[in-house]
């Protein structure tokens, strides 16, 4: 049985709304299992010193992204649109001559279904707008890339914090998980955009013990009206019993409140594969072993690559739209792909 082991639970009930600073910090973490795969973090906020944002160089670059439409998801069966409870909308194969383009590890699409922010595992932001024709993705416009900046204004990559893999948003702040450094940082993106400085978020000590290159791969904020009361939930890549050799690469929250996990697999024998698996948020509690049904499986017979980023937004008609991106590892043998699906049943 595949299982996700919910382990550390921390809470900070001493939040001072007047100053935006936690009065007490994290409470002691209670260890409830040996293998760490899901960590529930307290939502801790910090005042942003104005001087920390001064003197930031103009490091953002407007770039051109060439997009080739992907009209068929499973070429061997022709123009099939329905895959289980998902309808394939369309996709794009993306290329750019800009040297830092590629390696996309996470994406968050805004409520308008067009504007997005993504990040690469080499510590760069990518923002832009998805252009649609007849309801299908047709291109990327207004693309900007910039290095992610640390607390002192130096780039995260220059500090060795370059394996940026996961992304979550709350109240205008973007939270980023850094895998090899086993850290979480946040950016006041609503105020400063790609020029925001990172602030280090305190985390349970268990995160520092995650295996090298098998650390935090996915972040979400639980709904404030859920049992987790708005906590930041972090998923590690492989701190769990695995099924069919899949690893977690990202997650997003469904309108129902359940968690949708994006998983990927690579073996020299079978090549690349991806899977979407649904987990009940209510089941994620300390000590629990949880599992959920698969919504989608795709291997190299489908139009996929190393799928690592997942975002969910509601379309104008209320339908639930999934957007996924791939990490090409900056390799000429791989592709940067964006895919969109509509969930037909939630």
C-alpha atoms as a PDB file:
ATOM      1  CA  UNK A   1       0.000   0.000   0.000  1.00  0.00           C
ATOM      2  CA  UNK A   2       1.212   3.450  -0.803  1.00  0.00           C
ATOM      3  CA  UNK A   3       1.136   5.739   2.185  1.00  0.00           C
ATOM      4  CA  UNK A   4       1.925   9.272   3.166  1.00  0.00           C
ATOM      5  CA  UNK A   5       3.035   9.608   6.751  1.00  0.00           C
ATOM      6  CA  UNK A   6       1.859  12.786   8.463  1.00  0.00           C
ATOM      7  CA  UNK A   7       4.420  13.536  11.148  1.00  0.00           C
ATOM      8  CA  UNK A   8       5.204  16.898  12.697  1.00  0.00           C
ATOM      9  CA  UNK A   9       2.483  19.249  13.876  1.00  0.00           C
ATOM     10  CA  UNK A  10       3.253  22.711  15.234  1.00  0.00           C
ATOM     11  CA  UNK A  11       1.058  25.644  16.097  1.00  0.00           C
ATOM     12  CA  UNK A  12       1.619  29.316  16.863  1.00  0.00           C
ATOM     13  CA  UNK A  13      -1.368  30.773  18.658  1.00  0.00           C
ATOM     14  CA  UNK A  14       0.512  33.914  19.646  1.00  0.00           C
ATOM     15  CA  UNK A  15       0.178  35.900  16.421  1.00  0.00           C
ATOM     16  CA  UNK A  16       0.051  39.651  16.989  1.00  0.00           C
ATOM     17  CA  UNK A  17      -2.178  41.082  14.262  1.00  0.00           C
ATOM     18  CA  UNK A  18      -1.194  44.628  15.141  1.00  0.00           C
ATOM     19  CA  UNK A  19       2.501  44.145  14.350  1.00  0.00           C
ATOM     20  CA  UNK A  20       2.383  41.123  12.053  1.00  0.00           C
ATOM     21  CA  UNK A  21       4.956  39.333  14.210  1.00  0.00           C
ATOM     22  CA  UNK A  22       4.609  36.087  16.106  1.00  0.00           C
ATOM     23  CA  UNK A  23       4.821  36.608  19.857  1.00  0.00           C
ATOM     24  CA  UNK A  24       5.943  33.124  20.737  1.00  0.00           C
ATOM     25  CA  UNK A  25       7.278  31.459  17.600  1.00  0.00           C
ATOM     26  CA  UNK A  26       6.875  27.745  16.971  1.00  0.00           C
ATOM     27  CA  UNK A  27       5.833  25.487  19.783  1.00  0.00           C
ATOM     28  CA  UNK A  28       8.011  22.411  20.355  1.00  0.00           C
ATOM     29  CA  UNK A  29       7.526  19.840  17.621  1.00  0.00           C
ATOM     30  CA  UNK A  30       6.111  16.475  18.596  1.00  0.00           C
ATOM     31  CA  UNK A  31       7.760  13.536  16.832  1.00  0.00           C
ATOM     32  CA  UNK A  32       5.147  10.923  15.945  1.00  0.00           C
ATOM     33  CA  UNK A  33       6.843   8.834  13.248  1.00  0.00           C
ATOM     34  CA  UNK A  34      10.305   7.970  12.048  1.00  0.00           C
ATOM     35  CA  UNK A  35       9.906   8.732   8.355  1.00  0.00           C
ATOM     36  CA  UNK A  36       9.140  12.328   7.485  1.00  0.00           C
ATOM     37  CA  UNK A  37       6.964  12.925   4.450  1.00  0.00           C
ATOM     38  CA  UNK A  38       4.307  15.472   5.359  1.00  0.00           C
ATOM     39  CA  UNK A  39       5.092  18.305   7.732  1.00  0.00           C
ATOM     40  CA  UNK A  40       2.448  20.688   8.964  1.00  0.00           C
ATOM     41  CA  UNK A  41       3.966  24.064   9.752  1.00  0.00           C
ATOM     42  CA  UNK A  42       2.561  26.896  11.766  1.00  0.00           C
ATOM     43  CA  UNK A  43       1.762  30.048   9.779  1.00  0.00           C
ATOM     44  CA  UNK A  44       4.303  32.514  11.174  1.00  0.00           C
ATOM     45  CA  UNK A  45       4.504  36.058   9.840  1.00  0.00           C
ATOM     46  CA  UNK A  46       7.201  38.681  10.113  1.00  0.00           C
ATOM     47  CA  UNK A  47       7.348  42.413   9.752  1.00  0.00           C
ATOM     48  CA  UNK A  48       9.129  43.379   6.510  1.00  0.00           C
ATOM     49  CA  UNK A  49      11.863  45.952   7.202  1.00  0.00           C
ATOM     50  CA  UNK A  50      11.631  48.695   4.602  1.00  0.00           C
ATOM     51  CA  UNK A  51      15.399  49.022   4.405  1.00  0.00           C
ATOM     52  CA  UNK A  52      15.691  45.365   3.411  1.00  0.00           C
ATOM     53  CA  UNK A  53      14.150  46.201   0.048  1.00  0.00           C
ATOM     54  CA  UNK A  54      16.298  49.244  -0.770  1.00  0.00           C
ATOM     55  CA  UNK A  55      19.096  49.292  -3.291  1.00  0.00           C
ATOM     56  CA  UNK A  56      17.859  46.230  -5.178  1.00  0.00           C
ATOM     57  CA  UNK A  57      19.380  46.170  -8.681  1.00  0.00           C
ATOM     58  CA  UNK A  58      17.115  45.970 -11.701  1.00  0.00           C
ATOM     59  CA  UNK A  59      17.829  42.319 -12.428  1.00  0.00           C
ATOM     60  CA  UNK A  60      14.572  41.413 -14.183  1.00  0.00           C
ATOM     61  CA  UNK A  61      14.788  40.617 -17.894  1.00  0.00           C
ATOM     62  CA  UNK A  62      11.970  40.531 -20.425  1.00  0.00           C
ATOM     63  CA  UNK A  63      12.330  37.394 -22.517  1.00  0.00           C
ATOM     64  CA  UNK A  64      10.688  35.854 -25.553  1.00  0.00           C
ATOM     65  CA  UNK A  65       9.204  32.363 -25.236  1.00  0.00           C
ATOM     66  CA  UNK A  66       8.406  30.423 -28.387  1.00  0.00           C
ATOM     67  CA  UNK A  67       5.401  28.141 -28.006  1.00  0.00           C
ATOM     68  CA  UNK A  68       4.402  25.140 -30.118  1.00  0.00           C
ATOM     69  CA  UNK A  69       0.813  24.003 -29.461  1.00  0.00           C
ATOM     70  CA  UNK A  70       0.148  20.473 -28.249  1.00  0.00           C
ATOM     71  CA  UNK A  71      -3.293  19.597 -29.577  1.00  0.00           C
ATOM     72  CA  UNK A  72      -3.301  15.850 -28.793  1.00  0.00           C
ATOM     73  CA  UNK A  73      -2.316  14.408 -25.413  1.00  0.00           C
ATOM     74  CA  UNK A  74      -2.261  10.704 -26.413  1.00  0.00           C
ATOM     75  CA  UNK A  75      -1.176  10.571 -30.067  1.00  0.00           C
ATOM     76  CA  UNK A  76      -1.643   6.823 -30.542  1.00  0.00           C
ATOM     77  CA  UNK A  77      -5.428   7.112 -30.164  1.00  0.00           C
ATOM     78  CA  UNK A  78      -5.919  10.389 -32.036  1.00  0.00           C
ATOM     79  CA  UNK A  79      -7.880  13.348 -30.698  1.00  0.00           C
ATOM     80  CA  UNK A  80      -9.076  11.783 -27.446  1.00  0.00           C
ATOM     81  CA  UNK A  81     -10.104  14.489 -24.972  1.00  0.00           C
ATOM     82  CA  UNK A  82     -11.454  12.549 -21.961  1.00  0.00           C
ATOM     83  CA  UNK A  83      -9.064  10.816 -19.579  1.00  0.00           C
ATOM     84  CA  UNK A  84     -10.970   9.510 -16.579  1.00  0.00           C
ATOM     85  CA  UNK A  85     -12.424  12.563 -14.833  1.00  0.00           C
ATOM     86  CA  UNK A  86     -10.188  14.940 -16.780  1.00  0.00           C
ATOM     87  CA  UNK A  87     -10.734  16.627 -20.143  1.00  0.00           C
ATOM     88  CA  UNK A  88      -7.581  17.600 -22.011  1.00  0.00           C
ATOM     89  CA  UNK A  89      -7.760  21.287 -22.972  1.00  0.00           C
ATOM     90  CA  UNK A  90      -4.408  21.691 -24.697  1.00  0.00           C
ATOM     91  CA  UNK A  91      -0.729  22.301 -24.130  1.00  0.00           C
ATOM     92  CA  UNK A  92       2.414  24.053 -25.242  1.00  0.00           C
ATOM     93  CA  UNK A  93       6.003  23.063 -25.855  1.00  0.00           C
ATOM     94  CA  UNK A  94       8.066  26.053 -24.729  1.00  0.00           C
ATOM     95  CA  UNK A  95      11.514  27.226 -25.805  1.00  0.00           C
ATOM     96  CA  UNK A  96      13.571  30.351 -25.259  1.00  0.00           C
ATOM     97  CA  UNK A  97      17.064  31.493 -26.167  1.00  0.00           C
ATOM     98  CA  UNK A  98      17.388  33.119 -22.737  1.00  0.00           C
ATOM     99  CA  UNK A  99      20.125  31.235 -20.902  1.00  0.00           C
ATOM    100  CA  UNK A 100      18.246  30.866 -17.611  1.00  0.00           C
ATOM    101  CA  UNK A 101      15.018  29.551 -19.133  1.00  0.00           C
ATOM    102  CA  UNK A 102      14.095  25.982 -18.214  1.00  0.00           C
ATOM    103  CA  UNK A 103      14.072  23.745 -15.173  1.00  0.00           C
ATOM    104  CA  UNK A 104      10.530  24.777 -14.179  1.00  0.00           C
ATOM    105  CA  UNK A 105       9.671  23.138 -10.865  1.00  0.00           C
ATOM    106  CA  UNK A 106       6.464  24.874  -9.779  1.00  0.00           C
ATOM    107  CA  UNK A 107       3.726  27.149 -11.118  1.00  0.00           C
ATOM    108  CA  UNK A 108       0.808  29.122  -9.716  1.00  0.00           C
ATOM    109  CA  UNK A 109      -1.809  30.419 -12.154  1.00  0.00           C
ATOM    110  CA  UNK A 110      -3.849  33.408 -11.002  1.00  0.00           C
ATOM    111  CA  UNK A 111      -7.635  33.454 -10.806  1.00  0.00           C
ATOM    112  CA  UNK A 112      -7.918  35.031 -14.264  1.00  0.00           C
ATOM    113  CA  UNK A 113      -6.441  31.836 -15.745  1.00  0.00           C
ATOM    114  CA  UNK A 114      -3.827  33.838 -17.640  1.00  0.00           C
ATOM    115  CA  UNK A 115      -1.191  35.427 -15.424  1.00  0.00           C
ATOM    116  CA  UNK A 116       1.186  33.058 -13.677  1.00  0.00           C
ATOM    117  CA  UNK A 117       4.340  32.883 -11.617  1.00  0.00           C
ATOM    118  CA  UNK A 118       6.706  29.957 -11.917  1.00  0.00           C
ATOM    119  CA  UNK A 119      10.155  29.157 -10.626  1.00  0.00           C
ATOM    120  CA  UNK A 120      13.125  27.156 -11.819  1.00  0.00           C
ATOM    121  CA  UNK A 121      15.207  24.831  -9.709  1.00  0.00           C
ATOM    122  CA  UNK A 122      18.191  27.087 -10.405  1.00  0.00           C
ATOM    123  CA  UNK A 123      16.651  29.895  -8.327  1.00  0.00           C
ATOM    124  CA  UNK A 124      14.918  32.043 -10.970  1.00  0.00           C
ATOM    125  CA  UNK A 125      11.431  33.511 -11.168  1.00  0.00           C
ATOM    126  CA  UNK A 126       9.410  33.298 -14.376  1.00  0.00           C
ATOM    127  CA  UNK A 127       6.276  35.401 -14.693  1.00  0.00           C
ATOM    128  CA  UNK A 128       4.069  35.820 -17.724  1.00  0.00           C
ATOM    129  CA  UNK A 129       0.641  35.429 -19.282  1.00  0.00           C
ATOM    130  CA  UNK A 130      -0.886  32.417 -21.017  1.00  0.00           C
ATOM    131  CA  UNK A 131      -2.451  33.431 -24.327  1.00  0.00           C
ATOM    132  CA  UNK A 132      -5.512  31.464 -25.457  1.00  0.00           C
ATOM    133  CA  UNK A 133      -7.093  30.854 -28.852  1.00  0.00           C
ATOM    134  CA  UNK A 134     -10.511  29.188 -28.981  1.00  0.00           C
ATOM    135  CA  UNK A 135     -10.128  28.276 -25.335  1.00  0.00           C
ATOM    136  CA  UNK A 136      -6.799  26.464 -25.727  1.00  0.00           C
ATOM    137  CA  UNK A 137      -3.289  27.615 -24.706  1.00  0.00           C
ATOM    138  CA  UNK A 138      -1.613  29.184 -27.746  1.00  0.00           C
ATOM    139  CA  UNK A 139       1.405  31.082 -26.417  1.00  0.00           C
ATOM    140  CA  UNK A 140       3.154  32.922 -23.599  1.00  0.00           C
ATOM    141  CA  UNK A 141       3.265  36.726 -23.494  1.00  0.00           C
ATOM    142  CA  UNK A 142       4.845  39.343 -21.200  1.00  0.00           C
ATOM    143  CA  UNK A 143       7.435  36.869 -19.926  1.00  0.00           C
ATOM    144  CA  UNK A 144       9.942  38.095 -17.333  1.00  0.00           C
ATOM    145  CA  UNK A 145      12.733  36.199 -15.590  1.00  0.00           C
ATOM    146  CA  UNK A 146      14.798  37.292 -12.604  1.00  0.00           C
ATOM    147  CA  UNK A 147      17.055  35.626 -10.037  1.00  0.00           C
ATOM    148  CA  UNK A 148      15.464  35.032  -6.658  1.00  0.00           C
ATOM    149  CA  UNK A 149      17.042  37.317  -4.055  1.00  0.00           C
ATOM    150  CA  UNK A 150      18.072  36.353  -0.546  1.00  0.00           C
ATOM    151  CA  UNK A 151      17.625  38.366   2.653  1.00  0.00           C
ATOM    152  CA  UNK A 152      20.744  40.439   1.940  1.00  0.00           C
ATOM    153  CA  UNK A 153      19.977  41.077  -1.724  1.00  0.00           C
ATOM    154  CA  UNK A 154      22.397  38.465  -3.017  1.00  0.00           C
ATOM    155  CA  UNK A 155      20.874  35.796  -5.207  1.00  0.00           C
ATOM    156  CA  UNK A 156      19.711  32.571  -3.594  1.00  0.00           C
ATOM    157  CA  UNK A 157      21.940  30.645  -5.993  1.00  0.00           C
ATOM    158  CA  UNK A 158      25.036  32.489  -4.761  1.00  0.00           C
ATOM    159  CA  UNK A 159      24.232  31.250  -1.250  1.00  0.00           C
ATOM    160  CA  UNK A 160      23.895  27.658  -2.471  1.00  0.00           C
ATOM    161  CA  UNK A 161      20.094  27.846  -2.030  1.00  0.00           C
ATOM    162  CA  UNK A 162      19.456  27.089  -5.669  1.00  0.00           C
ATOM    163  CA  UNK A 163      17.317  23.930  -5.665  1.00  0.00           C
ATOM    164  CA  UNK A 164      14.031  25.825  -5.423  1.00  0.00           C
ATOM    165  CA  UNK A 165      11.284  23.244  -5.942  1.00  0.00           C
ATOM    166  CA  UNK A 166       7.965  24.187  -4.349  1.00  0.00           C
ATOM    167  CA  UNK A 167       5.662  27.198  -4.243  1.00  0.00           C
ATOM    168  CA  UNK A 168       2.622  28.287  -2.234  1.00  0.00           C
ATOM    169  CA  UNK A 169       0.766  31.601  -1.925  1.00  0.00           C
ATOM    170  CA  UNK A 170      -1.098  33.275   0.891  1.00  0.00           C
ATOM    171  CA  UNK A 171      -2.125  36.912   1.331  1.00  0.00           C
ATOM    172  CA  UNK A 172       0.241  38.164  -1.357  1.00  0.00           C
ATOM    173  CA  UNK A 173       3.282  36.296  -0.014  1.00  0.00           C
ATOM    174  CA  UNK A 174       4.924  33.491  -1.968  1.00  0.00           C
ATOM    175  CA  UNK A 175       6.481  30.657   0.036  1.00  0.00           C
ATOM    176  CA  UNK A 176       9.273  28.665  -1.611  1.00  0.00           C
ATOM    177  CA  UNK A 177      10.735  25.336  -0.538  1.00  0.00           C
ATOM    178  CA  UNK A 178      14.470  24.875  -1.175  1.00  0.00           C
ATOM    179  CA  UNK A 179      15.186  21.188  -1.428  1.00  0.00           C
ATOM    180  CA  UNK A 180      18.923  20.672  -0.938  1.00  0.00           C
ATOM    181  CA  UNK A 181      19.154  23.441   1.658  1.00  0.00           C
ATOM    182  CA  UNK A 182      16.084  22.065   3.474  1.00  0.00           C
ATOM    183  CA  UNK A 183      14.658  25.539   4.027  1.00  0.00           C
ATOM    184  CA  UNK A 184      11.479  27.473   3.384  1.00  0.00           C
ATOM    185  CA  UNK A 185      11.619  31.165   2.527  1.00  0.00           C
ATOM    186  CA  UNK A 186       8.896  33.668   1.713  1.00  0.00           C
ATOM    187  CA  UNK A 187       8.672  36.742  -0.504  1.00  0.00           C
ATOM    188  CA  UNK A 188       6.383  39.781  -0.332  1.00  0.00           C
ATOM    189  CA  UNK A 189       5.493  39.276  -3.976  1.00  0.00           C
ATOM    190  CA  UNK A 190       2.389  41.448  -3.979  1.00  0.00           C
ATOM    191  CA  UNK A 191       4.484  44.455  -2.972  1.00  0.00           C
ATOM    192  CA  UNK A 192       7.860  43.881  -4.636  1.00  0.00           C
ATOM    193  CA  UNK A 193       7.306  41.244  -7.328  1.00  0.00           C
ATOM    194  CA  UNK A 194      10.431  39.490  -8.606  1.00  0.00           C
ATOM    195  CA  UNK A 195      12.622  42.003  -6.731  1.00  0.00           C
ATOM    196  CA  UNK A 196      11.369  40.860  -3.311  1.00  0.00           C
ATOM    197  CA  UNK A 197      13.940  39.677  -0.761  1.00  0.00           C
ATOM    198  CA  UNK A 198      13.543  36.263   0.829  1.00  0.00           C
ATOM    199  CA  UNK A 199      12.713  35.905   4.513  1.00  0.00           C
ATOM    200  CA  UNK A 200      13.592  32.628   6.209  1.00  0.00           C
ATOM    201  CA  UNK A 201      10.585  30.807   7.705  1.00  0.00           C
ATOM    202  CA  UNK A 202      11.251  28.786  10.903  1.00  0.00           C
ATOM    203  CA  UNK A 203      10.529  25.085  10.370  1.00  0.00           C
ATOM    204  CA  UNK A 204      10.554  21.918  12.500  1.00  0.00           C
ATOM    205  CA  UNK A 205      14.009  20.465  13.068  1.00  0.00           C
ATOM    206  CA  UNK A 206      13.057  17.275  11.238  1.00  0.00           C
ATOM    207  CA  UNK A 207      13.202  19.064   7.898  1.00  0.00           C
ATOM    208  CA  UNK A 208      16.978  19.494   8.195  1.00  0.00           C
ATOM    209  CA  UNK A 209      17.314  15.700   8.344  1.00  0.00           C
ATOM    210  CA  UNK A 210      15.620  15.035   5.025  1.00  0.00           C
ATOM    211  CA  UNK A 211      17.803  13.083   2.548  1.00  0.00           C
ATOM    212  CA  UNK A 212      19.954  15.067   0.110  1.00  0.00           C
ATOM    213  CA  UNK A 213      17.981  15.868  -3.058  1.00  0.00           C
ATOM    214  CA  UNK A 214      14.899  14.182  -1.575  1.00  0.00           C
ATOM    215  CA  UNK A 215      13.575  17.135   0.403  1.00  0.00           C
ATOM    216  CA  UNK A 216      10.582  19.447   0.142  1.00  0.00           C
ATOM    217  CA  UNK A 217       8.852  19.121  -3.216  1.00  0.00           C
ATOM    218  CA  UNK A 218       5.399  20.550  -2.560  1.00  0.00           C
ATOM    219  CA  UNK A 219       3.762  23.244  -0.396  1.00  0.00           C
ATOM    220  CA  UNK A 220       0.134  24.200   0.140  1.00  0.00           C
ATOM    221  CA  UNK A 221      -1.821  26.238   2.658  1.00  0.00           C
ATOM    222  CA  UNK A 222      -4.683  24.358   4.232  1.00  0.00           C
ATOM    223  CA  UNK A 223      -8.042  26.185   4.231  1.00  0.00           C
ATOM    224  CA  UNK A 224      -8.507  28.310   7.319  1.00  0.00           C
ATOM    225  CA  UNK A 225     -11.786  26.542   8.092  1.00  0.00           C
ATOM    226  CA  UNK A 226     -10.173  23.068   7.973  1.00  0.00           C
ATOM    227  CA  UNK A 227      -8.799  21.040  10.874  1.00  0.00           C
ATOM    228  CA  UNK A 228      -5.333  22.326   9.969  1.00  0.00           C
ATOM    229  CA  UNK A 229      -6.596  25.905  10.295  1.00  0.00           C
ATOM    230  CA  UNK A 230      -4.601  27.539   7.527  1.00  0.00           C
ATOM    231  CA  UNK A 231      -1.296  25.816   8.311  1.00  0.00           C
ATOM    232  CA  UNK A 232       1.419  25.515   5.689  1.00  0.00           C
ATOM    233  CA  UNK A 233       1.682  21.851   4.706  1.00  0.00           C
ATOM    234  CA  UNK A 234       4.964  20.610   3.218  1.00  0.00           C
ATOM    235  CA  UNK A 235       5.460  17.339   1.351  1.00  0.00           C
ATOM    236  CA  UNK A 236       8.865  15.731   0.969  1.00  0.00           C
ATOM    237  CA  UNK A 237       9.746  13.820  -2.171  1.00  0.00           C
ATOM    238  CA  UNK A 238      10.293  10.346  -0.819  1.00  0.00           C
ATOM    239  CA  UNK A 239       9.788  10.167   2.941  1.00  0.00           C
ATOM    240  CA  UNK A 240       7.006   7.611   2.486  1.00  0.00           C
ATOM    241  CA  UNK A 241       6.109   4.135   1.350  1.00  0.00           C
ATOM    242  CA  UNK A 242       6.086   4.357  -2.433  1.00  0.00           C
ATOM    243  CA  UNK A 243       3.824   2.711  -4.967  1.00  0.00           C
ATOM    244  CA  UNK A 244       5.198   1.870  -8.409  1.00  0.00           C
ATOM    245  CA  UNK A 245       8.353   3.916  -7.728  1.00  0.00           C
ATOM    246  CA  UNK A 246       6.602   7.302  -8.009  1.00  0.00           C
ATOM    247  CA  UNK A 247       7.824  10.370  -6.112  1.00  0.00           C
ATOM    248  CA  UNK A 248       5.902  13.516  -5.178  1.00  0.00           C
ATOM    249  CA  UNK A 249       6.779  16.518  -7.345  1.00  0.00           C
ATOM    250  CA  UNK A 250       4.023  19.050  -6.492  1.00  0.00           C
ATOM    251  CA  UNK A 251       0.515  19.449  -5.112  1.00  0.00           C
ATOM    252  CA  UNK A 252      -2.462  21.799  -5.238  1.00  0.00           C
ATOM    253  CA  UNK A 253      -5.730  22.213  -3.375  1.00  0.00           C
ATOM    254  CA  UNK A 254      -9.002  21.208  -5.027  1.00  0.00           C
ATOM    255  CA  UNK A 255     -12.180  23.276  -4.481  1.00  0.00           C
ATOM    256  CA  UNK A 256     -13.491  20.428  -2.296  1.00  0.00           C
ATOM    257  CA  UNK A 257     -10.513  20.911   0.017  1.00  0.00           C
ATOM    258  CA  UNK A 258      -8.804  17.672  -0.995  1.00  0.00           C
ATOM    259  CA  UNK A 259      -5.162  17.633  -2.047  1.00  0.00           C
ATOM    260  CA  UNK A 260      -4.175  16.694  -5.585  1.00  0.00           C
ATOM    261  CA  UNK A 261      -0.651  15.279  -5.750  1.00  0.00           C
ATOM    262  CA  UNK A 262       1.448  15.375  -8.895  1.00  0.00           C
ATOM    263  CA  UNK A 263       3.894  12.473  -8.941  1.00  0.00           C
ATOM    264  CA  UNK A 264       6.610  11.518 -11.401  1.00  0.00           C
ATOM    265  CA  UNK A 265       8.763   8.474 -12.084  1.00  0.00           C
ATOM    266  CA  UNK A 266      11.877   7.809 -14.114  1.00  0.00           C
ATOM    267  CA  UNK A 267      13.557   4.467 -14.742  1.00  0.00           C
ATOM    268  CA  UNK A 268      16.027   3.584 -17.482  1.00  0.00           C
ATOM    269  CA  UNK A 269      13.792   0.683 -18.448  1.00  0.00           C
ATOM    270  CA  UNK A 270      10.414   2.442 -18.704  1.00  0.00           C
ATOM    271  CA  UNK A 271      11.420   6.096 -19.081  1.00  0.00           C
ATOM    272  CA  UNK A 272       9.347   8.999 -17.734  1.00  0.00           C
ATOM    273  CA  UNK A 273       5.838   8.706 -16.284  1.00  0.00           C
ATOM    274  CA  UNK A 274       3.505  10.954 -14.289  1.00  0.00           C
ATOM    275  CA  UNK A 275       0.512  10.399 -12.035  1.00  0.00           C
ATOM    276  CA  UNK A 276      -2.146  12.518 -10.334  1.00  0.00           C
ATOM    277  CA  UNK A 277      -3.373  11.175  -6.989  1.00  0.00           C
ATOM    278  CA  UNK A 278      -6.101  12.589  -4.769  1.00  0.00           C
ATOM    279  CA  UNK A 279      -5.669  12.744  -0.961  1.00  0.00           C
ATOM    280  CA  UNK A 280      -8.305  13.785   1.558  1.00  0.00           C
ATOM    281  CA  UNK A 281      -6.957  16.757   3.492  1.00  0.00           C
ATOM    282  CA  UNK A 282      -8.899  15.654   6.556  1.00  0.00           C
ATOM    283  CA  UNK A 283      -6.841  12.444   6.636  1.00  0.00           C
ATOM    284  CA  UNK A 284      -3.541  14.319   7.035  1.00  0.00           C
ATOM    285  CA  UNK A 285      -2.998  14.192  10.788  1.00  0.00           C
ATOM    286  CA  UNK A 286       0.003  13.242  12.964  1.00  0.00           C
ATOM    287  CA  UNK A 287       0.794   9.546  12.702  1.00  0.00           C
ATOM    288  CA  UNK A 288      -1.692   8.831   9.923  1.00  0.00           C
ATOM    289  CA  UNK A 289      -0.987   6.670   6.874  1.00  0.00           C
ATOM    290  CA  UNK A 290      -3.104   7.952   4.033  1.00  0.00           C
ATOM    291  CA  UNK A 291      -3.682   7.060   0.416  1.00  0.00           C
ATOM    292  CA  UNK A 292      -6.065   8.085  -2.331  1.00  0.00           C
ATOM    293  CA  UNK A 293      -7.299   7.221  -5.809  1.00  0.00           C
ATOM    294  CA  UNK A 294      -5.393   7.928  -9.022  1.00  0.00           C
ATOM    295  CA  UNK A 295      -6.946  10.467 -11.390  1.00  0.00           C
ATOM    296  CA  UNK A 296      -4.460  10.200 -14.247  1.00  0.00           C
ATOM    297  CA  UNK A 297      -1.499   8.113 -15.356  1.00  0.00           C
ATOM    298  CA  UNK A 298       0.642   8.928 -18.392  1.00  0.00           C
ATOM    299  CA  UNK A 299       3.904   7.483 -19.664  1.00  0.00           C
ATOM    300  CA  UNK A 300       6.102   8.175 -22.663  1.00  0.00           C
ATOM    301  CA  UNK A 301       3.267   7.331 -25.043  1.00  0.00           C
ATOM    302  CA  UNK A 302       1.658  10.613 -23.961  1.00  0.00           C
ATOM    303  CA  UNK A 303       2.761  14.206 -24.462  1.00  0.00           C
ATOM    304  CA  UNK A 304       4.601  14.559 -21.163  1.00  0.00           C
ATOM    305  CA  UNK A 305       8.089  15.136 -19.863  1.00  0.00           C
ATOM    306  CA  UNK A 306       9.439  15.422 -16.311  1.00  0.00           C
ATOM    307  CA  UNK A 307       6.226  16.940 -14.907  1.00  0.00           C
ATOM    308  CA  UNK A 308       7.037  18.886 -11.732  1.00  0.00           C
ATOM    309  CA  UNK A 309       4.636  21.823 -11.329  1.00  0.00           C
ATOM    310  CA  UNK A 310       0.873  21.812 -10.670  1.00  0.00           C
ATOM    311  CA  UNK A 311      -1.626  24.648 -10.224  1.00  0.00           C
ATOM    312  CA  UNK A 312      -5.416  24.705  -9.908  1.00  0.00           C
ATOM    313  CA  UNK A 313      -7.736  27.630 -10.634  1.00  0.00           C
ATOM    314  CA  UNK A 314     -11.443  28.142 -11.328  1.00  0.00           C
ATOM    315  CA  UNK A 315     -12.470  29.156 -14.854  1.00  0.00           C
ATOM    316  CA  UNK A 316     -15.052  31.858 -15.524  1.00  0.00           C
ATOM    317  CA  UNK A 317     -17.757  29.179 -15.832  1.00  0.00           C
ATOM    318  CA  UNK A 318     -16.801  27.740 -12.444  1.00  0.00           C
ATOM    319  CA  UNK A 319     -15.023  24.649 -13.783  1.00  0.00           C
ATOM    320  CA  UNK A 320     -11.770  23.490 -12.205  1.00  0.00           C
ATOM    321  CA  UNK A 321      -8.681  23.858 -14.401  1.00  0.00           C
ATOM    322  CA  UNK A 322      -5.375  22.053 -13.816  1.00  0.00           C
ATOM    323  CA  UNK A 323      -2.140  23.483 -15.222  1.00  0.00           C
ATOM    324  CA  UNK A 324       1.090  21.463 -15.184  1.00  0.00           C
ATOM    325  CA  UNK A 325       4.646  22.290 -16.258  1.00  0.00           C
ATOM    326  CA  UNK A 326       7.731  20.139 -16.756  1.00  0.00           C
ATOM    327  CA  UNK A 327      11.338  20.480 -15.652  1.00  0.00           C
ATOM    328  CA  UNK A 328      13.629  19.866 -18.630  1.00  0.00           C
ATOM    329  CA  UNK A 329      16.721  19.766 -16.398  1.00  0.00           C
ATOM    330  CA  UNK A 330      18.287  22.209 -18.890  1.00  0.00           C
ATOM    331  CA  UNK A 331      18.859  19.217 -21.167  1.00  0.00           C
ATOM    332  CA  UNK A 332      18.572  19.198 -24.959  1.00  0.00           C
ATOM    333  CA  UNK A 333      17.054  15.723 -24.609  1.00  0.00           C
ATOM    334  CA  UNK A 334      14.052  16.976 -22.642  1.00  0.00           C
ATOM    335  CA  UNK A 335      11.256  19.485 -23.169  1.00  0.00           C
ATOM    336  CA  UNK A 336       9.566  22.270 -21.234  1.00  0.00           C
ATOM    337  CA  UNK A 337       5.864  21.475 -21.497  1.00  0.00           C
ATOM    338  CA  UNK A 338       2.731  23.201 -20.215  1.00  0.00           C
ATOM    339  CA  UNK A 339      -0.471  21.130 -20.079  1.00  0.00           C
ATOM    340  CA  UNK A 340      -4.042  22.051 -19.097  1.00  0.00           C
ATOM    341  CA  UNK A 341      -6.961  19.828 -18.126  1.00  0.00           C
ATOM    342  CA  UNK A 342     -10.500  20.453 -16.906  1.00  0.00           C
ATOM    343  CA  UNK A 343     -11.700  18.374 -13.974  1.00  0.00           C
ATOM    344  CA  UNK A 344     -15.151  17.051 -14.850  1.00  0.00           C
ATOM    345  CA  UNK A 345     -16.063  15.802 -11.368  1.00  0.00           C
ATOM    346  CA  UNK A 346     -14.880  17.008  -7.966  1.00  0.00           C
END
